Amino acid sequence: MWRAFFSAIGIVLLILGVECLLIDSAVLAAGVVDDPMPLQNAGLFGAAPMQAVSNRIFRPAEWIPWSLLTSGAVVLLYAISLHRSPS
């Protein structure tokens, strides 16, 4: 069971490292930008109220993808080196 757990963690770290290597930036949306029914939430004069949407932009530093790839590879090597249980 430990071998499968560490293999999964290593694979996830490798995938995140490759994703951070391929993107320049990612926009993390805090809320729904397009409201499908704006008239239900209309104010006194029929105008929809303004929603405060604060989107965050994630720009990975140059060292983040390489450290994720390295740590994922080390965890996968550790998972491979674990002894198999006889069950």
PDB file of N, CA and C in Angstrom:
ATOM      1  N   MET A   1       0.817  -1.182   0.000  1.00  0.00           N
ATOM      2  CA  MET A   1       0.000   0.000   0.000  1.00  0.00           C
ATOM      3  C   MET A   1       0.869   1.257   0.000  1.00  0.00           C
ATOM      4  N   TRP A   2       1.978   1.243   0.718  1.00  0.00           N
ATOM      5  CA  TRP A   2       2.865   2.400   0.742  1.00  0.00           C
ATOM      6  C   TRP A   2       3.477   2.657  -0.621  1.00  0.00           C
ATOM      7  N   ARG A   3       3.778   1.585  -1.331  1.00  0.00           N
ATOM      8  CA  ARG A   3       4.365   1.737  -2.668  1.00  0.00           C
ATOM      9  C   ARG A   3       3.394   2.466  -3.596  1.00  0.00           C
ATOM     10  N   ALA A   4       2.128   2.119  -3.547  1.00  0.00           N
ATOM     11  CA  ALA A   4       1.122   2.778  -4.391  1.00  0.00           C
ATOM     12  C   ALA A   4       0.927   4.237  -3.976  1.00  0.00           C
ATOM     13  N   PHE A   5       0.963   4.491  -2.666  1.00  0.00           N
ATOM     14  CA  PHE A   5       0.805   5.864  -2.169  1.00  0.00           C
ATOM     15  C   PHE A   5       1.946   6.753  -2.654  1.00  0.00           C
ATOM     16  N   PHE A   6       3.178   6.301  -2.483  1.00  0.00           N
ATOM     17  CA  PHE A   6       4.315   7.119  -2.896  1.00  0.00           C
ATOM     18  C   PHE A   6       4.416   7.210  -4.414  1.00  0.00           C
ATOM     19  N   SER A   7       3.987   6.187  -5.116  1.00  0.00           N
ATOM     20  CA  SER A   7       3.961   6.274  -6.581  1.00  0.00           C
ATOM     21  C   SER A   7       2.968   7.342  -7.035  1.00  0.00           C
ATOM     22  N   ALA A   8       1.815   7.384  -6.401  1.00  0.00           N
ATOM     23  CA  ALA A   8       0.805   8.387  -6.766  1.00  0.00           C
ATOM     24  C   ALA A   8       1.305   9.797  -6.463  1.00  0.00           C
ATOM     25  N   ILE A   9       1.939   9.990  -5.320  1.00  0.00           N
ATOM     26  CA  ILE A   9       2.476  11.309  -4.974  1.00  0.00           C
ATOM     27  C   ILE A   9       3.557  11.720  -5.968  1.00  0.00           C
ATOM     28  N   GLY A  10       4.440  10.796  -6.335  1.00  0.00           N
ATOM     29  CA  GLY A  10       5.498  11.100  -7.289  1.00  0.00           C
ATOM     30  C   GLY A  10       4.958  11.450  -8.663  1.00  0.00           C
ATOM     31  N   ILE A  11       3.944  10.728  -9.111  1.00  0.00           N
ATOM     32  CA  ILE A  11       3.355  10.998 -10.426  1.00  0.00           C
ATOM     33  C   ILE A  11       2.660  12.354 -10.436  1.00  0.00           C
ATOM     34  N   VAL A  12       1.965  12.688  -9.345  1.00  0.00           N
ATOM     35  CA  VAL A  12       1.301  13.994  -9.259  1.00  0.00           C
ATOM     36  C   VAL A  12       2.334  15.122  -9.287  1.00  0.00           C
ATOM     37  N   LEU A  13       3.439  14.948  -8.567  1.00  0.00           N
ATOM     38  CA  LEU A  13       4.482  15.975  -8.583  1.00  0.00           C
ATOM     39  C   LEU A  13       5.100  16.126  -9.968  1.00  0.00           C
ATOM     40  N   LEU A  14       5.301  15.022 -10.656  1.00  0.00           N
ATOM     41  CA  LEU A  14       5.834  15.094 -12.018  1.00  0.00           C
ATOM     42  C   LEU A  14       4.872  15.818 -12.962  1.00  0.00           C
ATOM     43  N   ILE A  15       3.589  15.512 -12.854  1.00  0.00           N
ATOM     44  CA  ILE A  15       2.597  16.160 -13.722  1.00  0.00           C
ATOM     45  C   ILE A  15       2.530  17.661 -13.436  1.00  0.00           C
ATOM     46  N   LEU A  16       2.537  18.042 -12.147  1.00  0.00           N
ATOM     47  CA  LEU A  16       2.518  19.465 -11.807  1.00  0.00           C
ATOM     48  C   LEU A  16       3.778  20.168 -12.304  1.00  0.00           C
ATOM     49  N   GLY A  17       4.912  19.504 -12.236  1.00  0.00           N
ATOM     50  CA  GLY A  17       6.146  20.093 -12.734  1.00  0.00           C
ATOM     51  C   GLY A  17       6.112  20.325 -14.228  1.00  0.00           C
ATOM     52  N   VAL A  18       5.581  19.357 -14.966  1.00  0.00           N
ATOM     53  CA  VAL A  18       5.482  19.519 -16.423  1.00  0.00           C
ATOM     54  C   VAL A  18       4.489  20.625 -16.766  1.00  0.00           C
ATOM     55  N   GLU A  19       3.382  20.685 -16.035  1.00  0.00           N
ATOM     56  CA  GLU A  19       2.406  21.750 -16.289  1.00  0.00           C
ATOM     57  C   GLU A  19       3.001  23.124 -16.018  1.00  0.00           C
ATOM     58  N   CYS A  20       3.730  23.269 -14.915  1.00  0.00           N
ATOM     59  CA  CYS A  20       4.350  24.564 -14.608  1.00  0.00           C
ATOM     60  C   CYS A  20       5.444  24.907 -15.613  1.00  0.00           C
ATOM     61  N   LEU A  21       6.052  23.891 -16.204  1.00  0.00           N
ATOM     62  CA  LEU A  21       7.081  24.140 -17.204  1.00  0.00           C
ATOM     63  C   LEU A  21       6.465  24.642 -18.511  1.00  0.00           C
ATOM     64  N   LEU A  22       5.242  24.215 -18.807  1.00  0.00           N
ATOM     65  CA  LEU A  22       4.615  24.547 -20.082  1.00  0.00           C
ATOM     66  C   LEU A  22       3.820  25.850 -20.071  1.00  0.00           C
ATOM     67  N   ILE A  23       3.368  26.308 -18.906  1.00  0.00           N
ATOM     68  CA  ILE A  23       2.541  27.516 -18.875  1.00  0.00           C
ATOM     69  C   ILE A  23       3.375  28.737 -18.517  1.00  0.00           C
ATOM     70  N   ASP A  24       2.901  29.903 -18.947  1.00  0.00           N
ATOM     71  CA  ASP A  24       3.519  31.166 -18.538  1.00  0.00           C
ATOM     72  C   ASP A  24       2.809  31.722 -17.311  1.00  0.00           C
ATOM     73  N   SER A  25       1.475  31.626 -17.312  1.00  0.00           N
ATOM     74  CA  SER A  25       0.686  32.079 -16.168  1.00  0.00           C
ATOM     75  C   SER A  25      -0.656  31.369 -16.190  1.00  0.00           C
ATOM     76  N   ALA A  26      -1.289  31.322 -15.025  1.00  0.00           N
ATOM     77  CA  ALA A  26      -2.607  30.716 -14.892  1.00  0.00           C
ATOM     78  C   ALA A  26      -3.501  31.676 -14.119  1.00  0.00           C
ATOM     79  N   VAL A  27      -4.737  31.831 -14.567  1.00  0.00           N
ATOM     80  CA  VAL A  27      -5.699  32.698 -13.899  1.00  0.00           C
ATOM     81  C   VAL A  27      -6.593  31.824 -13.038  1.00  0.00           C
ATOM     82  N   LEU A  28      -6.578  32.090 -11.732  1.00  0.00           N
ATOM     83  CA  LEU A  28      -7.412  31.361 -10.791  1.00  0.00           C
ATOM     84  C   LEU A  28      -8.653  32.205 -10.517  1.00  0.00           C
ATOM     85  N   ALA A  29      -9.795  31.789 -11.053  1.00  0.00           N
ATOM     86  CA  ALA A  29     -11.030  32.566 -10.936  1.00  0.00           C
ATOM     87  C   ALA A  29     -11.644  32.357  -9.559  1.00  0.00           C
ATOM     88  N   ALA A  30     -12.034  33.458  -8.915  1.00  0.00           N
ATOM     89  CA  ALA A  30     -12.607  33.396  -7.583  1.00  0.00           C
ATOM     90  C   ALA A  30     -14.111  33.142  -7.625  1.00  0.00           C
ATOM     91  N   GLY A  31     -14.781  33.540  -8.690  1.00  0.00           N
ATOM     92  CA  GLY A  31     -16.221  33.378  -8.774  1.00  0.00           C
ATOM     93  C   GLY A  31     -16.651  33.239 -10.213  1.00  0.00           C
ATOM     94  N   VAL A  32     -17.941  33.135 -10.404  1.00  0.00           N
ATOM     95  CA  VAL A  32     -18.486  33.011 -11.745  1.00  0.00           C
ATOM     96  C   VAL A  32     -18.483  34.385 -12.394  1.00  0.00           C
ATOM     97  N   VAL A  33     -17.858  34.483 -13.562  1.00  0.00           N
ATOM     98  CA  VAL A  33     -17.761  35.765 -14.249  1.00  0.00           C
ATOM     99  C   VAL A  33     -19.042  36.042 -15.023  1.00  0.00           C
ATOM    100  N   ASP A  34     -19.566  35.056 -15.725  1.00  0.00           N
ATOM    101  CA  ASP A  34     -20.782  35.229 -16.521  1.00  0.00           C
ATOM    102  C   ASP A  34     -21.968  34.664 -15.748  1.00  0.00           C
ATOM    103  N   ASP A  35     -22.881  35.538 -15.339  1.00  0.00           N
ATOM    104  CA  ASP A  35     -24.079  35.108 -14.628  1.00  0.00           C
ATOM    105  C   ASP A  35     -25.143  34.773 -15.666  1.00  0.00           C
ATOM    106  N   PRO A  36     -25.646  33.522 -15.729  1.00  0.00           N
ATOM    107  CA  PRO A  36     -26.621  33.160 -16.757  1.00  0.00           C
ATOM    108  C   PRO A  36     -27.968  33.861 -16.594  1.00  0.00           C
ATOM    109  N   MET A  37     -28.347  34.259 -15.392  1.00  0.00           N
ATOM    110  CA  MET A  37     -29.615  34.933 -15.170  1.00  0.00           C
ATOM    111  C   MET A  37     -29.387  36.226 -14.389  1.00  0.00           C
ATOM    112  N   PRO A  38     -28.915  37.269 -15.058  1.00  0.00           N
ATOM    113  CA  PRO A  38     -28.615  38.503 -14.317  1.00  0.00           C
ATOM    114  C   PRO A  38     -29.864  39.261 -13.879  1.00  0.00           C
ATOM    115  N   LEU A  39     -31.016  39.006 -14.494  1.00  0.00           N
ATOM    116  CA  LEU A  39     -32.214  39.764 -14.160  1.00  0.00           C
ATOM    117  C   LEU A  39     -32.846  39.300 -12.855  1.00  0.00           C
ATOM    118  N   GLN A  40     -32.583  38.112 -12.399  1.00  0.00           N
ATOM    119  CA  GLN A  40     -33.147  37.659 -11.129  1.00  0.00           C
ATOM    120  C   GLN A  40     -32.511  38.409  -9.960  1.00  0.00           C
ATOM    121  N   ASN A  41     -31.280  38.809 -10.110  1.00  0.00           N
ATOM    122  CA  ASN A  41     -30.592  39.533  -9.046  1.00  0.00           C
ATOM    123  C   ASN A  41     -30.593  41.037  -9.300  1.00  0.00           C
ATOM    124  N   ALA A  42     -31.572  41.503 -10.043  1.00  0.00           N
ATOM    125  CA  ALA A  42     -31.607  42.915 -10.423  1.00  0.00           C
ATOM    126  C   ALA A  42     -31.893  43.784  -9.205  1.00  0.00           C
ATOM    127  N   GLY A  43     -31.345  44.983  -9.227  1.00  0.00           N
ATOM    128  CA  GLY A  43     -31.547  45.933  -8.134  1.00  0.00           C
ATOM    129  C   GLY A  43     -32.867  46.666  -8.279  1.00  0.00           C
ATOM    130  N   LEU A  44     -32.943  47.838  -7.722  1.00  0.00           N
ATOM    131  CA  LEU A  44     -34.175  48.612  -7.701  1.00  0.00           C
ATOM    132  C   LEU A  44     -34.596  49.060  -9.092  1.00  0.00           C
ATOM    133  N   PHE A  45     -33.669  49.476  -9.941  1.00  0.00           N
ATOM    134  CA  PHE A  45     -33.994  49.989 -11.264  1.00  0.00           C
ATOM    135  C   PHE A  45     -33.701  48.992 -12.371  1.00  0.00           C
ATOM    136  N   GLY A  46     -33.583  47.722 -12.073  1.00  0.00           N
ATOM    137  CA  GLY A  46     -33.415  46.696 -13.085  1.00  0.00           C
ATOM    138  C   GLY A  46     -31.976  46.403 -13.473  1.00  0.00           C
ATOM    139  N   ALA A  47     -31.030  47.122 -12.906  1.00  0.00           N
ATOM    140  CA  ALA A  47     -29.626  46.860 -13.229  1.00  0.00           C
ATOM    141  C   ALA A  47     -29.078  45.786 -12.285  1.00  0.00           C
ATOM    142  N   ALA A  48     -28.306  44.923 -12.845  1.00  0.00           N
ATOM    143  CA  ALA A  48     -27.721  43.863 -12.030  1.00  0.00           C
ATOM    144  C   ALA A  48     -26.646  44.455 -11.120  1.00  0.00           C
ATOM    145  N   PRO A  49     -26.595  44.019  -9.862  1.00  0.00           N
ATOM    146  CA  PRO A  49     -25.568  44.553  -8.966  1.00  0.00           C
ATOM    147  C   PRO A  49     -24.180  44.082  -9.384  1.00  0.00           C
ATOM    148  N   MET A  50     -23.190  44.911  -9.136  1.00  0.00           N
ATOM    149  CA  MET A  50     -21.819  44.559  -9.485  1.00  0.00           C
ATOM    150  C   MET A  50     -21.300  43.525  -8.500  1.00  0.00           C
ATOM    151  N   GLN A  51     -20.709  42.488  -9.035  1.00  0.00           N
ATOM    152  CA  GLN A  51     -20.117  41.460  -8.185  1.00  0.00           C
ATOM    153  C   GLN A  51     -18.619  41.687  -8.137  1.00  0.00           C
ATOM    154  N   ALA A  52     -18.085  41.604  -6.951  1.00  0.00           N
ATOM    155  CA  ALA A  52     -16.647  41.765  -6.787  1.00  0.00           C
ATOM    156  C   ALA A  52     -15.969  40.428  -7.089  1.00  0.00           C
ATOM    157  N   VAL A  53     -15.303  40.369  -8.215  1.00  0.00           N
ATOM    158  CA  VAL A  53     -14.596  39.160  -8.613  1.00  0.00           C
ATOM    159  C   VAL A  53     -13.110  39.472  -8.570  1.00  0.00           C
ATOM    160  N   SER A  54     -12.418  38.746  -7.734  1.00  0.00           N
ATOM    161  CA  SER A  54     -10.970  38.965  -7.651  1.00  0.00           C
ATOM    162  C   SER A  54     -10.256  37.726  -8.178  1.00  0.00           C
ATOM    163  N   ASN A  55      -9.822  37.826  -9.399  1.00  0.00           N
ATOM    164  CA  ASN A  55      -9.073  36.731  -9.999  1.00  0.00           C
ATOM    165  C   ASN A  55      -7.607  36.864  -9.629  1.00  0.00           C
ATOM    166  N   ARG A  56      -6.979  35.745  -9.333  1.00  0.00           N
ATOM    167  CA  ARG A  56      -5.557  35.751  -9.025  1.00  0.00           C
ATOM    168  C   ARG A  56      -4.802  35.175 -10.206  1.00  0.00           C
ATOM    169  N   ILE A  57      -3.657  35.742 -10.472  1.00  0.00           N
ATOM    170  CA  ILE A  57      -2.807  35.265 -11.557  1.00  0.00           C
ATOM    171  C   ILE A  57      -1.591  34.586 -10.936  1.00  0.00           C
ATOM    172  N   PHE A  58      -1.394  33.326 -11.296  1.00  0.00           N
ATOM    173  CA  PHE A  58      -0.265  32.543 -10.787  1.00  0.00           C
ATOM    174  C   PHE A  58       0.793  32.464 -11.871  1.00  0.00           C
ATOM    175  N   ARG A  59       1.946  33.034 -11.591  1.00  0.00           N
ATOM    176  CA  ARG A  59       3.090  32.962 -12.503  1.00  0.00           C
ATOM    177  C   ARG A  59       4.183  32.177 -11.802  1.00  0.00           C
ATOM    178  N   PRO A  60       4.412  30.936 -12.220  1.00  0.00           N
ATOM    179  CA  PRO A  60       5.427  30.138 -11.524  1.00  0.00           C
ATOM    180  C   PRO A  60       6.828  30.686 -11.768  1.00  0.00           C
ATOM    181  N   ALA A  61       7.596  30.725 -10.703  1.00  0.00           N
ATOM    182  CA  ALA A  61       8.992  31.156 -10.828  1.00  0.00           C
ATOM    183  C   ALA A  61       9.771  30.105 -11.605  1.00  0.00           C
ATOM    184  N   GLU A  62      10.970  30.455 -12.003  1.00  0.00           N
ATOM    185  CA  GLU A  62      11.756  29.558 -12.850  1.00  0.00           C
ATOM    186  C   GLU A  62      12.176  28.284 -12.126  1.00  0.00           C
ATOM    187  N   TRP A  63      12.298  28.317 -10.816  1.00  0.00           N
ATOM    188  CA  TRP A  63      12.757  27.162 -10.060  1.00  0.00           C
ATOM    189  C   TRP A  63      11.634  26.194  -9.696  1.00  0.00           C
ATOM    190  N   ILE A  64      10.375  26.624  -9.755  1.00  0.00           N
ATOM    191  CA  ILE A  64       9.259  25.781  -9.310  1.00  0.00           C
ATOM    192  C   ILE A  64       9.099  24.515 -10.155  1.00  0.00           C
ATOM    193  N   PRO A  65       9.052  24.578 -11.501  1.00  0.00           N
ATOM    194  CA  PRO A  65       8.862  23.333 -12.250  1.00  0.00           C
ATOM    195  C   PRO A  65      10.016  22.352 -12.063  1.00  0.00           C
ATOM    196  N   TRP A  66      11.233  22.874 -11.970  1.00  0.00           N
ATOM    197  CA  TRP A  66      12.381  21.974 -11.837  1.00  0.00           C
ATOM    198  C   TRP A  66      12.403  21.310 -10.469  1.00  0.00           C
ATOM    199  N   SER A  67      12.011  22.029  -9.437  1.00  0.00           N
ATOM    200  CA  SER A  67      11.983  21.407  -8.115  1.00  0.00           C
ATOM    201  C   SER A  67      10.846  20.392  -8.003  1.00  0.00           C
ATOM    202  N   LEU A  68       9.704  20.666  -8.652  1.00  0.00           N
ATOM    203  CA  LEU A  68       8.615  19.687  -8.656  1.00  0.00           C
ATOM    204  C   LEU A  68       9.007  18.425  -9.421  1.00  0.00           C
ATOM    205  N   LEU A  69       9.658  18.594 -10.570  1.00  0.00           N
ATOM    206  CA  LEU A  69      10.110  17.432 -11.345  1.00  0.00           C
ATOM    207  C   LEU A  69      11.146  16.617 -10.572  1.00  0.00           C
ATOM    208  N   THR A  70      12.069  17.297  -9.919  1.00  0.00           N
ATOM    209  CA  THR A  70      13.112  16.600  -9.177  1.00  0.00           C
ATOM    210  C   THR A  70      12.540  15.854  -7.983  1.00  0.00           C
ATOM    211  N   SER A  71      11.681  16.513  -7.224  1.00  0.00           N
ATOM    212  CA  SER A  71      11.109  15.843  -6.059  1.00  0.00           C
ATOM    213  C   SER A  71      10.184  14.702  -6.479  1.00  0.00           C
ATOM    214  N   GLY A  72       9.462  14.846  -7.583  1.00  0.00           N
ATOM    215  CA  GLY A  72       8.637  13.742  -8.082  1.00  0.00           C
ATOM    216  C   GLY A  72       9.470  12.550  -8.500  1.00  0.00           C
ATOM    217  N   ALA A  73      10.601  12.809  -9.144  1.00  0.00           N
ATOM    218  CA  ALA A  73      11.484  11.714  -9.547  1.00  0.00           C
ATOM    219  C   ALA A  73      12.086  11.017  -8.333  1.00  0.00           C
ATOM    220  N   VAL A  74      12.470  11.792  -7.312  1.00  0.00           N
ATOM    221  CA  VAL A  74      13.036  11.188  -6.099  1.00  0.00           C
ATOM    222  C   VAL A  74      11.992  10.348  -5.375  1.00  0.00           C
ATOM    223  N   VAL A  75      10.770  10.837  -5.279  1.00  0.00           N
ATOM    224  CA  VAL A  75       9.709  10.074  -4.616  1.00  0.00           C
ATOM    225  C   VAL A  75       9.390   8.808  -5.404  1.00  0.00           C
ATOM    226  N   LEU A  76       9.382   8.878  -6.738  1.00  0.00           N
ATOM    227  CA  LEU A  76       9.146   7.677  -7.539  1.00  0.00           C
ATOM    228  C   LEU A  76      10.275   6.664  -7.377  1.00  0.00           C
ATOM    229  N   LEU A  77      11.499   7.133  -7.323  1.00  0.00           N
ATOM    230  CA  LEU A  77      12.615   6.211  -7.087  1.00  0.00           C
ATOM    231  C   LEU A  77      12.514   5.572  -5.713  1.00  0.00           C
ATOM    232  N   TYR A  78      12.059   6.330  -4.723  1.00  0.00           N
ATOM    233  CA  TYR A  78      11.857   5.757  -3.397  1.00  0.00           C
ATOM    234  C   TYR A  78      10.755   4.703  -3.422  1.00  0.00           C
ATOM    235  N   ALA A  79       9.685   4.983  -4.165  1.00  0.00           N
ATOM    236  CA  ALA A  79       8.576   4.021  -4.240  1.00  0.00           C
ATOM    237  C   ALA A  79       9.017   2.743  -4.927  1.00  0.00           C
ATOM    238  N   ILE A  80       9.887   2.853  -5.919  1.00  0.00           N
ATOM    239  CA  ILE A  80      10.375   1.661  -6.605  1.00  0.00           C
ATOM    240  C   ILE A  80      11.294   0.854  -5.690  1.00  0.00           C
ATOM    241  N   SER A  81      12.042   1.541  -4.836  1.00  0.00           N
ATOM    242  CA  SER A  81      12.996   0.843  -3.980  1.00  0.00           C
ATOM    243  C   SER A  81      12.354   0.194  -2.764  1.00  0.00           C
ATOM    244  N   LEU A  82      11.083   0.490  -2.468  1.00  0.00           N
ATOM    245  CA  LEU A  82      10.407  -0.141  -1.320  1.00  0.00           C
ATOM    246  C   LEU A  82      10.262  -1.637  -1.572  1.00  0.00           C
ATOM    247  N   HIS A  83      10.380  -2.396  -0.499  1.00  0.00           N
ATOM    248  CA  HIS A  83      10.213  -3.850  -0.601  1.00  0.00           C
ATOM    249  C   HIS A  83       8.740  -4.186  -0.731  1.00  0.00           C
ATOM    250  N   ARG A  84       8.470  -5.168  -1.535  1.00  0.00           N
ATOM    251  CA  ARG A  84       7.089  -5.624  -1.677  1.00  0.00           C
ATOM    252  C   ARG A  84       6.715  -6.457  -0.480  1.00  0.00           C
ATOM    253  N   SER A  85       5.495  -6.260  -0.001  1.00  0.00           N
ATOM    254  CA  SER A  85       5.021  -7.080   1.113  1.00  0.00           C
ATOM    255  C   SER A  85       4.539  -8.416   0.563  1.00  0.00           C
ATOM    256  N   PRO A  86       4.713  -9.484   1.313  1.00  0.00           N
ATOM    257  CA  PRO A  86       4.372 -10.823   0.808  1.00  0.00           C
ATOM    258  C   PRO A  86       2.887 -11.111   0.751  1.00  0.00           C
ATOM    259  N   SER A  87       2.019 -10.182   1.077  1.00  0.00           N
ATOM    260  CA  SER A  87       0.584 -10.455   1.071  1.00  0.00           C
ATOM    261  C   SER A  87       0.029 -10.344  -0.274  1.00  0.00           C
TER     262      SER A  87
END
